[in-house]
Every structure is written in C-alpha cells, then in structure tokens.
Amino acid sequence: MISAFFLLLILSTALLFGNEFSVGFLIHPSLSRVDHRGFLPAFQVFARHFGKIMPIWMVGTLVLHLLLLWITWQWPAHHTVCLVCAVLLWVVIIVFSLTGPVPINDRVKAWDLAHLPNDWETERRRWDRLNAIRVLLIGFAFVALILAFRSIANLP
C-alpha cells in the first residue's frame, strides 16, 4: 500500500517537474523567438491556465509529501531524512513561486498588447530566470523523493 502511494506521488511529482521544465525550457523559449505580438497573447493564455492549476497541484504535492512523511515517520533514518528534505524543498518551492514567478504572471495576465509597460522584456527574462530556479528546486525535491523510496524498497 505504501509503495503504491509512493509511486503515485513519484508519478505526480515527475509530471509536475516535466510540465515546469517543458514550459520553461521548450515552450517559453520557442514562443519568445516570434514577434512579441504573437508571443505575449500565448504567454497570457499559459499564465491564466497554469495560474489556476499549479497552486492546487503544488500544494497538493506538498500535502501528499507531508502525509507520506507522517505515515512513514518511524521508518529508517535515511528514508526520513530524504523525505524531510523533499518536504522542505516543497515549502521553499511554494514560497519561492509566490514571491517570484507568480507575481510576474499576474502582471503579464493584465498587460494590454497595445500598451505594454516599458520593462515588459525585462519582466519576461526575469520570469525565465526565476522559473529555471524553480525547475531546479523541483528536480532536487524529486530526487529526494526517489532516494526516500529507494531506501525503503527492500523493506518487508
């Protein structure tokens, strides 16, 4: 039962990591190569769509990590340390997101293509940098989760 829970959380975290990676390193760079009149409306669509989904997905992931940690707290120390690291990383990821990329997304969603702010390109590049950091943090949390799972894989 716990292995199935672990695998479900691993799958969800992997999908979240893949989503953030693809947006930050594939979709966003590809769109930014076109004229801003083509790029910005698409970016606004992504900001609106992911602005609804990602908070639920990220907080849900943290809650599932916490639940798993609570259920397996008495297991071997290596497992617990790895899972605590994953939980702490998810707290950092959520706080970082709320203070970095999310406010930029909120501003982008409100931009009028005919009257862009003077610093819109700077804001876009700042979001790219912040998202790259977030992807890295999610990757570290994913590795910590995998290590926690591997440390208990041989338990009865």
N, C-alpha and C. Protein backbone atom coordinates (compact mmCIF):
# COMPACT_ATOMS: atom_id res chain seq x y z
N MET A 1 0.82 -1.20 0.00
CA MET A 1 0.00 0.00 0.00
C MET A 1 0.86 1.27 0.00
N ILE A 2 1.87 1.29 0.86
CA ILE A 2 2.76 2.46 0.93
C ILE A 2 3.54 2.60 -0.38
N SER A 3 3.96 1.49 -0.94
CA SER A 3 4.69 1.55 -2.22
C SER A 3 3.82 2.16 -3.31
N ALA A 4 2.54 1.81 -3.33
CA ALA A 4 1.63 2.39 -4.32
C ALA A 4 1.48 3.89 -4.10
N PHE A 5 1.40 4.31 -2.83
CA PHE A 5 1.30 5.73 -2.50
C PHE A 5 2.56 6.45 -2.96
N PHE A 6 3.72 5.85 -2.67
CA PHE A 6 4.99 6.41 -3.11
C PHE A 6 5.00 6.57 -4.64
N LEU A 7 4.63 5.52 -5.33
CA LEU A 7 4.67 5.55 -6.79
C LEU A 7 3.71 6.59 -7.37
N LEU A 8 2.54 6.74 -6.76
CA LEU A 8 1.60 7.77 -7.18
C LEU A 8 2.21 9.16 -6.99
N LEU A 9 2.85 9.37 -5.84
CA LEU A 9 3.49 10.66 -5.57
C LEU A 9 4.68 10.89 -6.50
N ILE A 10 5.43 9.85 -6.79
CA ILE A 10 6.55 9.97 -7.73
C ILE A 10 6.03 10.34 -9.11
N LEU A 11 4.97 9.69 -9.55
CA LEU A 11 4.38 10.00 -10.86
C LEU A 11 3.89 11.44 -10.92
N SER A 12 3.17 11.87 -9.91
CA SER A 12 2.65 13.23 -9.87
C SER A 12 3.78 14.26 -9.87
N THR A 13 4.81 14.00 -9.07
CA THR A 13 5.94 14.92 -8.99
C THR A 13 6.72 14.94 -10.31
N ALA A 14 6.87 13.78 -10.93
CA ALA A 14 7.57 13.72 -12.22
C ALA A 14 6.80 14.50 -13.29
N LEU A 15 5.48 14.36 -13.30
CA LEU A 15 4.67 15.11 -14.26
C LEU A 15 4.76 16.61 -14.02
N LEU A 16 4.74 17.01 -12.76
CA LEU A 16 4.87 18.43 -12.43
C LEU A 16 6.23 18.96 -12.86
N PHE A 17 7.27 18.19 -12.57
CA PHE A 17 8.62 18.58 -12.99
C PHE A 17 8.70 18.69 -14.51
N GLY A 18 8.15 17.70 -15.20
CA GLY A 18 8.16 17.73 -16.67
C GLY A 18 7.39 18.90 -17.23
N ASN A 19 6.27 19.22 -16.61
CA ASN A 19 5.47 20.36 -17.05
C ASN A 19 6.26 21.66 -16.90
N GLU A 20 6.81 21.88 -15.72
CA GLU A 20 7.57 23.11 -15.49
C GLU A 20 8.81 23.19 -16.38
N PHE A 21 9.47 22.06 -16.56
CA PHE A 21 10.64 22.02 -17.43
C PHE A 21 10.26 22.37 -18.86
N SER A 22 9.20 21.74 -19.37
CA SER A 22 8.82 21.97 -20.77
C SER A 22 8.36 23.40 -21.00
N VAL A 23 7.62 23.97 -20.06
CA VAL A 23 7.20 25.37 -20.21
C VAL A 23 8.42 26.28 -20.19
N GLY A 24 9.31 26.07 -19.22
CA GLY A 24 10.44 26.96 -19.04
C GLY A 24 11.55 26.83 -20.06
N PHE A 25 11.77 25.60 -20.55
CA PHE A 25 12.93 25.38 -21.41
C PHE A 25 12.59 25.01 -22.85
N LEU A 26 11.32 24.75 -23.14
CA LEU A 26 10.94 24.41 -24.50
C LEU A 26 9.88 25.37 -25.05
N ILE A 27 8.73 25.44 -24.41
CA ILE A 27 7.62 26.24 -24.92
C ILE A 27 7.92 27.73 -24.85
N HIS A 28 8.30 28.21 -23.67
CA HIS A 28 8.54 29.64 -23.50
C HIS A 28 9.66 30.15 -24.41
N PRO A 29 10.82 29.48 -24.48
CA PRO A 29 11.86 29.95 -25.40
C PRO A 29 11.42 29.91 -26.86
N SER A 30 10.65 28.90 -27.24
CA SER A 30 10.18 28.82 -28.63
C SER A 30 9.24 29.98 -28.95
N LEU A 31 8.32 30.26 -28.04
CA LEU A 31 7.38 31.36 -28.26
C LEU A 31 8.09 32.71 -28.26
N SER A 32 9.12 32.85 -27.44
CA SER A 32 9.79 34.14 -27.34
C SER A 32 10.61 34.48 -28.58
N ARG A 33 10.81 33.51 -29.46
CA ARG A 33 11.54 33.76 -30.71
C ARG A 33 10.67 34.46 -31.75
N VAL A 34 9.37 34.44 -31.56
CA VAL A 34 8.48 35.11 -32.50
C VAL A 34 8.26 36.55 -32.05
N ASP A 35 7.65 37.33 -32.90
CA ASP A 35 7.34 38.72 -32.59
C ASP A 35 6.49 38.79 -31.32
N HIS A 36 6.73 39.80 -30.49
CA HIS A 36 6.04 39.88 -29.20
C HIS A 36 4.51 39.93 -29.35
N ARG A 37 4.02 40.37 -30.48
CA ARG A 37 2.57 40.39 -30.67
C ARG A 37 2.02 38.97 -30.77
N GLY A 38 2.86 38.03 -31.20
CA GLY A 38 2.47 36.62 -31.23
C GLY A 38 2.78 35.90 -29.92
N PHE A 39 3.86 36.32 -29.27
CA PHE A 39 4.31 35.67 -28.05
C PHE A 39 3.45 36.02 -26.85
N LEU A 40 3.20 37.28 -26.64
CA LEU A 40 2.53 37.70 -25.41
C LEU A 40 1.11 37.15 -25.25
N PRO A 41 0.28 37.14 -26.27
CA PRO A 41 -1.05 36.53 -26.07
C PRO A 41 -0.96 35.05 -25.67
N ALA A 42 -0.02 34.33 -26.27
CA ALA A 42 0.15 32.92 -25.91
C ALA A 42 0.62 32.79 -24.47
N PHE A 43 1.57 33.65 -24.09
CA PHE A 43 2.06 33.62 -22.71
C PHE A 43 0.94 33.95 -21.73
N GLN A 44 0.07 34.89 -22.09
CA GLN A 44 -1.05 35.23 -21.22
C GLN A 44 -2.00 34.04 -21.06
N VAL A 45 -2.20 33.29 -22.13
CA VAL A 45 -3.05 32.09 -22.04
C VAL A 45 -2.44 31.09 -21.07
N PHE A 46 -1.13 30.84 -21.21
CA PHE A 46 -0.45 29.93 -20.29
C PHE A 46 -0.53 30.44 -18.86
N ALA A 47 -0.32 31.74 -18.66
CA ALA A 47 -0.35 32.31 -17.31
C ALA A 47 -1.73 32.14 -16.68
N ARG A 48 -2.77 32.34 -17.45
CA ARG A 48 -4.13 32.16 -16.92
C ARG A 48 -4.41 30.69 -16.60
N HIS A 49 -4.07 29.83 -17.54
CA HIS A 49 -4.34 28.40 -17.38
C HIS A 49 -3.56 27.81 -16.20
N PHE A 50 -2.25 28.00 -16.21
CA PHE A 50 -1.42 27.43 -15.15
C PHE A 50 -1.62 28.16 -13.82
N GLY A 51 -2.07 29.40 -13.88
CA GLY A 51 -2.38 30.14 -12.66
C GLY A 51 -3.52 29.51 -11.87
N LYS A 52 -4.37 28.75 -12.56
CA LYS A 52 -5.47 28.05 -11.89
C LYS A 52 -5.04 26.65 -11.42
N ILE A 53 -4.24 25.97 -12.22
CA ILE A 53 -3.88 24.58 -11.96
C ILE A 53 -2.71 24.43 -10.99
N MET A 54 -1.65 25.19 -11.21
CA MET A 54 -0.41 24.97 -10.47
C MET A 54 -0.54 25.16 -8.96
N PRO A 55 -1.27 26.14 -8.47
CA PRO A 55 -1.38 26.24 -7.00
C PRO A 55 -1.97 24.97 -6.37
N ILE A 56 -2.99 24.43 -6.99
CA ILE A 56 -3.61 23.20 -6.47
C ILE A 56 -2.63 22.04 -6.56
N TRP A 57 -1.96 21.92 -7.70
CA TRP A 57 -1.03 20.81 -7.92
C TRP A 57 0.16 20.89 -6.96
N MET A 58 0.72 22.08 -6.79
CA MET A 58 1.89 22.22 -5.92
C MET A 58 1.54 22.03 -4.45
N VAL A 59 0.46 22.65 -4.00
CA VAL A 59 0.05 22.48 -2.60
C VAL A 59 -0.38 21.03 -2.36
N GLY A 60 -1.08 20.44 -3.31
CA GLY A 60 -1.45 19.03 -3.19
C GLY A 60 -0.23 18.12 -3.07
N THR A 61 0.79 18.42 -3.84
CA THR A 61 2.03 17.65 -3.79
C THR A 61 2.68 17.78 -2.41
N LEU A 62 2.71 18.99 -1.88
CA LEU A 62 3.26 19.20 -0.54
C LEU A 62 2.45 18.42 0.50
N VAL A 63 1.14 18.49 0.42
CA VAL A 63 0.27 17.79 1.38
C VAL A 63 0.52 16.27 1.30
N LEU A 64 0.63 15.74 0.09
CA LEU A 64 0.89 14.31 -0.06
C LEU A 64 2.26 13.93 0.49
N HIS A 65 3.25 14.79 0.29
CA HIS A 65 4.58 14.54 0.88
C HIS A 65 4.48 14.52 2.41
N LEU A 66 3.75 15.49 2.96
CA LEU A 66 3.58 15.54 4.42
C LEU A 66 2.86 14.30 4.95
N LEU A 67 1.83 13.88 4.24
CA LEU A 67 1.09 12.69 4.65
C LEU A 67 2.00 11.46 4.61
N LEU A 68 2.77 11.33 3.55
CA LEU A 68 3.69 10.20 3.43
C LEU A 68 4.73 10.24 4.55
N LEU A 69 5.23 11.41 4.85
CA LEU A 69 6.21 11.55 5.94
C LEU A 69 5.59 11.14 7.27
N TRP A 70 4.37 11.55 7.51
CA TRP A 70 3.68 11.22 8.76
C TRP A 70 3.46 9.71 8.87
N ILE A 71 3.04 9.08 7.77
CA ILE A 71 2.77 7.64 7.78
C ILE A 71 4.05 6.83 7.99
N THR A 72 5.16 7.31 7.46
CA THR A 72 6.40 6.53 7.47
C THR A 72 7.45 7.08 8.44
N TRP A 73 7.04 7.92 9.35
CA TRP A 73 7.99 8.61 10.24
C TRP A 73 8.91 7.65 10.98
N GLN A 74 8.45 6.49 11.39
CA GLN A 74 9.24 5.55 12.17
C GLN A 74 10.14 4.65 11.33
N TRP A 75 10.18 4.86 10.04
CA TRP A 75 11.00 4.03 9.16
C TRP A 75 12.47 4.42 9.28
N PRO A 76 13.36 3.75 8.57
CA PRO A 76 14.79 4.02 8.70
C PRO A 76 15.15 5.50 8.50
N ALA A 77 16.20 5.90 9.21
CA ALA A 77 16.60 7.32 9.23
C ALA A 77 16.89 7.87 7.84
N HIS A 78 17.54 7.09 6.99
CA HIS A 78 17.88 7.59 5.65
C HIS A 78 16.61 7.97 4.89
N HIS A 79 15.62 7.12 4.98
CA HIS A 79 14.33 7.40 4.33
C HIS A 79 13.74 8.71 4.87
N THR A 80 13.73 8.83 6.18
CA THR A 80 13.12 10.00 6.81
C THR A 80 13.86 11.28 6.42
N VAL A 81 15.17 11.23 6.42
CA VAL A 81 15.96 12.42 6.05
C VAL A 81 15.65 12.84 4.61
N CYS A 82 15.61 11.88 3.71
CA CYS A 82 15.32 12.19 2.31
C CYS A 82 13.92 12.77 2.16
N LEU A 83 12.96 12.20 2.85
CA LEU A 83 11.58 12.68 2.75
C LEU A 83 11.43 14.05 3.40
N VAL A 84 12.11 14.29 4.51
CA VAL A 84 12.09 15.63 5.14
C VAL A 84 12.69 16.65 4.18
N CYS A 85 13.77 16.28 3.50
CA CYS A 85 14.38 17.20 2.52
C CYS A 85 13.38 17.52 1.41
N ALA A 86 12.67 16.50 0.92
CA ALA A 86 11.68 16.73 -0.13
C ALA A 86 10.58 17.67 0.36
N VAL A 87 10.10 17.45 1.58
CA VAL A 87 9.05 18.31 2.15
C VAL A 87 9.55 19.74 2.28
N LEU A 88 10.74 19.92 2.83
CA LEU A 88 11.29 21.27 2.98
C LEU A 88 11.49 21.95 1.64
N LEU A 89 11.94 21.19 0.66
CA LEU A 89 12.09 21.77 -0.68
C LEU A 89 10.75 22.21 -1.24
N TRP A 90 9.68 21.44 -1.00
CA TRP A 90 8.36 21.84 -1.49
C TRP A 90 7.86 23.10 -0.81
N VAL A 91 8.18 23.27 0.46
CA VAL A 91 7.82 24.51 1.14
C VAL A 91 8.56 25.67 0.49
N VAL A 92 9.85 25.49 0.23
CA VAL A 92 10.66 26.53 -0.42
C VAL A 92 10.12 26.82 -1.82
N ILE A 93 9.78 25.77 -2.57
CA ILE A 93 9.26 25.94 -3.93
C ILE A 93 7.99 26.78 -3.93
N ILE A 94 7.09 26.49 -3.01
CA ILE A 94 5.82 27.22 -2.96
C ILE A 94 6.04 28.67 -2.55
N VAL A 95 6.85 28.90 -1.53
CA VAL A 95 7.13 30.29 -1.11
C VAL A 95 7.85 31.04 -2.23
N PHE A 96 8.84 30.39 -2.83
CA PHE A 96 9.58 31.00 -3.94
C PHE A 96 8.64 31.35 -5.09
N SER A 97 7.74 30.43 -5.42
CA SER A 97 6.79 30.68 -6.52
C SER A 97 5.89 31.87 -6.21
N LEU A 98 5.41 31.94 -4.98
CA LEU A 98 4.50 33.02 -4.59
C LEU A 98 5.18 34.38 -4.55
N THR A 99 6.49 34.39 -4.34
CA THR A 99 7.21 35.67 -4.27
C THR A 99 7.96 36.01 -5.55
N GLY A 100 8.10 35.06 -6.47
CA GLY A 100 8.86 35.29 -7.70
C GLY A 100 8.03 35.22 -8.96
N PRO A 101 7.90 34.02 -9.54
CA PRO A 101 7.21 33.90 -10.82
C PRO A 101 5.72 34.25 -10.79
N VAL A 102 5.01 33.94 -9.72
CA VAL A 102 3.56 34.18 -9.69
C VAL A 102 3.21 35.67 -9.81
N PRO A 103 3.87 36.57 -9.07
CA PRO A 103 3.54 37.99 -9.26
C PRO A 103 3.80 38.48 -10.69
N ILE A 104 4.85 37.95 -11.32
CA ILE A 104 5.13 38.33 -12.72
C ILE A 104 4.00 37.82 -13.60
N ASN A 105 3.59 36.56 -13.39
CA ASN A 105 2.47 36.01 -14.18
C ASN A 105 1.22 36.86 -14.01
N ASP A 106 0.95 37.28 -12.79
CA ASP A 106 -0.24 38.10 -12.54
C ASP A 106 -0.18 39.42 -13.31
N ARG A 107 1.01 40.02 -13.36
CA ARG A 107 1.16 41.28 -14.11
C ARG A 107 1.00 41.03 -15.61
N VAL A 108 1.60 39.94 -16.10
CA VAL A 108 1.54 39.62 -17.52
C VAL A 108 0.10 39.39 -17.96
N LYS A 109 -0.67 38.70 -17.13
CA LYS A 109 -2.08 38.43 -17.48
C LYS A 109 -2.85 39.72 -17.70
N ALA A 110 -2.46 40.79 -17.03
CA ALA A 110 -3.19 42.06 -17.12
C ALA A 110 -2.67 42.98 -18.22
N TRP A 111 -1.55 42.66 -18.85
CA TRP A 111 -0.98 43.53 -19.86
C TRP A 111 -1.92 43.68 -21.06
N ASP A 112 -1.93 44.90 -21.59
CA ASP A 112 -2.64 45.19 -22.83
C ASP A 112 -1.57 45.24 -23.92
N LEU A 113 -1.74 44.43 -24.94
CA LEU A 113 -0.74 44.32 -26.01
C LEU A 113 -0.45 45.67 -26.67
N ALA A 114 -1.45 46.54 -26.72
CA ALA A 114 -1.27 47.86 -27.35
C ALA A 114 -0.53 48.84 -26.44
N HIS A 115 -0.52 48.57 -25.14
CA HIS A 115 0.11 49.48 -24.17
C HIS A 115 0.95 48.70 -23.18
N LEU A 116 2.02 48.10 -23.67
CA LEU A 116 2.90 47.31 -22.81
C LEU A 116 3.72 48.21 -21.90
N PRO A 117 4.01 47.75 -20.69
CA PRO A 117 4.89 48.54 -19.82
C PRO A 117 6.29 48.61 -20.43
N ASN A 118 7.03 49.64 -20.07
CA ASN A 118 8.37 49.83 -20.63
C ASN A 118 9.31 48.66 -20.33
N ASP A 119 9.12 48.02 -19.19
CA ASP A 119 10.03 46.96 -18.76
C ASP A 119 9.51 45.55 -19.04
N TRP A 120 8.60 45.41 -19.99
CA TRP A 120 7.98 44.09 -20.21
C TRP A 120 8.99 43.03 -20.59
N GLU A 121 10.00 43.37 -21.39
CA GLU A 121 11.01 42.38 -21.78
C GLU A 121 11.88 41.98 -20.59
N THR A 122 12.17 42.93 -19.74
CA THR A 122 12.93 42.64 -18.53
C THR A 122 12.14 41.70 -17.62
N GLU A 123 10.85 41.96 -17.51
CA GLU A 123 9.98 41.10 -16.70
C GLU A 123 9.95 39.67 -17.27
N ARG A 124 9.87 39.56 -18.57
CA ARG A 124 9.84 38.24 -19.20
C ARG A 124 11.13 37.48 -18.93
N ARG A 125 12.26 38.15 -19.07
CA ARG A 125 13.55 37.50 -18.81
C ARG A 125 13.70 37.15 -17.34
N ARG A 126 13.19 38.02 -16.46
CA ARG A 126 13.24 37.73 -15.02
C ARG A 126 12.42 36.47 -14.71
N TRP A 127 11.25 36.34 -15.33
CA TRP A 127 10.43 35.15 -15.12
C TRP A 127 11.19 33.90 -15.58
N ASP A 128 11.88 34.01 -16.73
CA ASP A 128 12.66 32.87 -17.24
C ASP A 128 13.70 32.43 -16.21
N ARG A 129 14.42 33.38 -15.63
CA ARG A 129 15.45 33.05 -14.64
C ARG A 129 14.82 32.44 -13.38
N LEU A 130 13.76 33.04 -12.89
CA LEU A 130 13.10 32.52 -11.69
C LEU A 130 12.51 31.14 -11.93
N ASN A 131 11.94 30.93 -13.10
CA ASN A 131 11.38 29.62 -13.40
C ASN A 131 12.48 28.57 -13.50
N ALA A 132 13.63 28.93 -14.03
CA ALA A 132 14.75 27.98 -14.10
C ALA A 132 15.16 27.55 -12.69
N ILE A 133 15.19 28.48 -11.76
CA ILE A 133 15.50 28.14 -10.37
C ILE A 133 14.42 27.22 -9.80
N ARG A 134 13.16 27.53 -10.08
CA ARG A 134 12.07 26.70 -9.58
C ARG A 134 12.16 25.28 -10.16
N VAL A 135 12.47 25.16 -11.43
CA VAL A 135 12.61 23.83 -12.04
C VAL A 135 13.74 23.05 -11.35
N LEU A 136 14.83 23.72 -11.07
CA LEU A 136 15.95 23.08 -10.38
C LEU A 136 15.53 22.60 -8.98
N LEU A 137 14.80 23.44 -8.25
CA LEU A 137 14.32 23.06 -6.92
C LEU A 137 13.36 21.87 -6.99
N ILE A 138 12.47 21.88 -7.97
CA ILE A 138 11.55 20.75 -8.14
C ILE A 138 12.34 19.48 -8.47
N GLY A 139 13.37 19.62 -9.29
CA GLY A 139 14.23 18.47 -9.61
C GLY A 139 14.90 17.91 -8.37
N PHE A 140 15.41 18.79 -7.50
CA PHE A 140 16.02 18.34 -6.25
C PHE A 140 15.00 17.63 -5.36
N ALA A 141 13.78 18.18 -5.28
CA ALA A 141 12.72 17.56 -4.47
C ALA A 141 12.37 16.19 -5.04
N PHE A 142 12.34 16.09 -6.35
CA PHE A 142 12.04 14.80 -7.00
C PHE A 142 13.12 13.77 -6.67
N VAL A 143 14.38 14.17 -6.75
CA VAL A 143 15.48 13.26 -6.43
C VAL A 143 15.39 12.82 -4.97
N ALA A 144 15.09 13.74 -4.07
CA ALA A 144 14.95 13.38 -2.65
C ALA A 144 13.83 12.37 -2.45
N LEU A 145 12.73 12.55 -3.17
CA LEU A 145 11.61 11.60 -3.08
C LEU A 145 12.03 10.22 -3.61
N ILE A 146 12.73 10.19 -4.72
CA ILE A 146 13.21 8.92 -5.29
C ILE A 146 14.16 8.23 -4.31
N LEU A 147 15.07 9.00 -3.70
CA LEU A 147 16.01 8.41 -2.74
C LEU A 147 15.28 7.86 -1.52
N ALA A 148 14.24 8.55 -1.07
CA ALA A 148 13.44 8.05 0.05
C ALA A 148 12.78 6.74 -0.33
N PHE A 149 12.23 6.68 -1.53
CA PHE A 149 11.59 5.44 -2.00
C PHE A 149 12.60 4.31 -2.10
N ARG A 150 13.75 4.59 -2.67
CA ARG A 150 14.78 3.55 -2.82
C ARG A 150 15.27 3.04 -1.48
N SER A 151 15.29 3.92 -0.47
CA SER A 151 15.79 3.49 0.84
C SER A 151 14.83 2.52 1.53
N ILE A 152 13.56 2.51 1.14
CA ILE A 152 12.61 1.60 1.76
C ILE A 152 12.20 0.47 0.83
N ALA A 153 12.69 0.47 -0.39
CA ALA A 153 12.26 -0.51 -1.39
C ALA A 153 12.53 -1.94 -0.96
N ASN A 154 13.53 -2.16 -0.15
CA ASN A 154 13.89 -3.52 0.28
C ASN A 154 13.28 -3.90 1.62
N LEU A 155 12.47 -3.01 2.21
CA LEU A 155 11.82 -3.33 3.49
C LEU A 155 10.64 -4.27 3.25
N PRO A 156 10.31 -5.10 4.23
CA PRO A 156 9.15 -6.01 4.07
C PRO A 156 7.85 -5.26 4.02
